[in-house]
Amino acid sequence: MEHYVITFESTHAAITIERALKKTFKITILPTPREISHGCGIAIRFSSEDFESIFQQLQTSPIDKNMFSIYHFLNGNYKEID
């Protein structure tokens, strides 16, 4: 199933973004997948239909852009979005 995952460098960043996104989008909190290990063990999964809107919201987030990464999951593989 195609989806996106946001990983975080800190728990603080994960909680801040989660609070902002859950007001508008259907998101799922999950452990960071092994294939994309990051500093924090928390990740957020969301549907491909919400990608553009969530991406735009993250660009205006108070969290430093270096504190999170977005990955696209397709055909069993994760690819980081630049």
Foldseek 3Di string as FASTA:
>chain_A
DKKKKKDFLDPVVVVQLCVVAVVPFDKDWDFDDPVDDHNDRIMIIHHPVCVVVSVVVVVPDPDPPVGMWMWIADPRDTDTDD
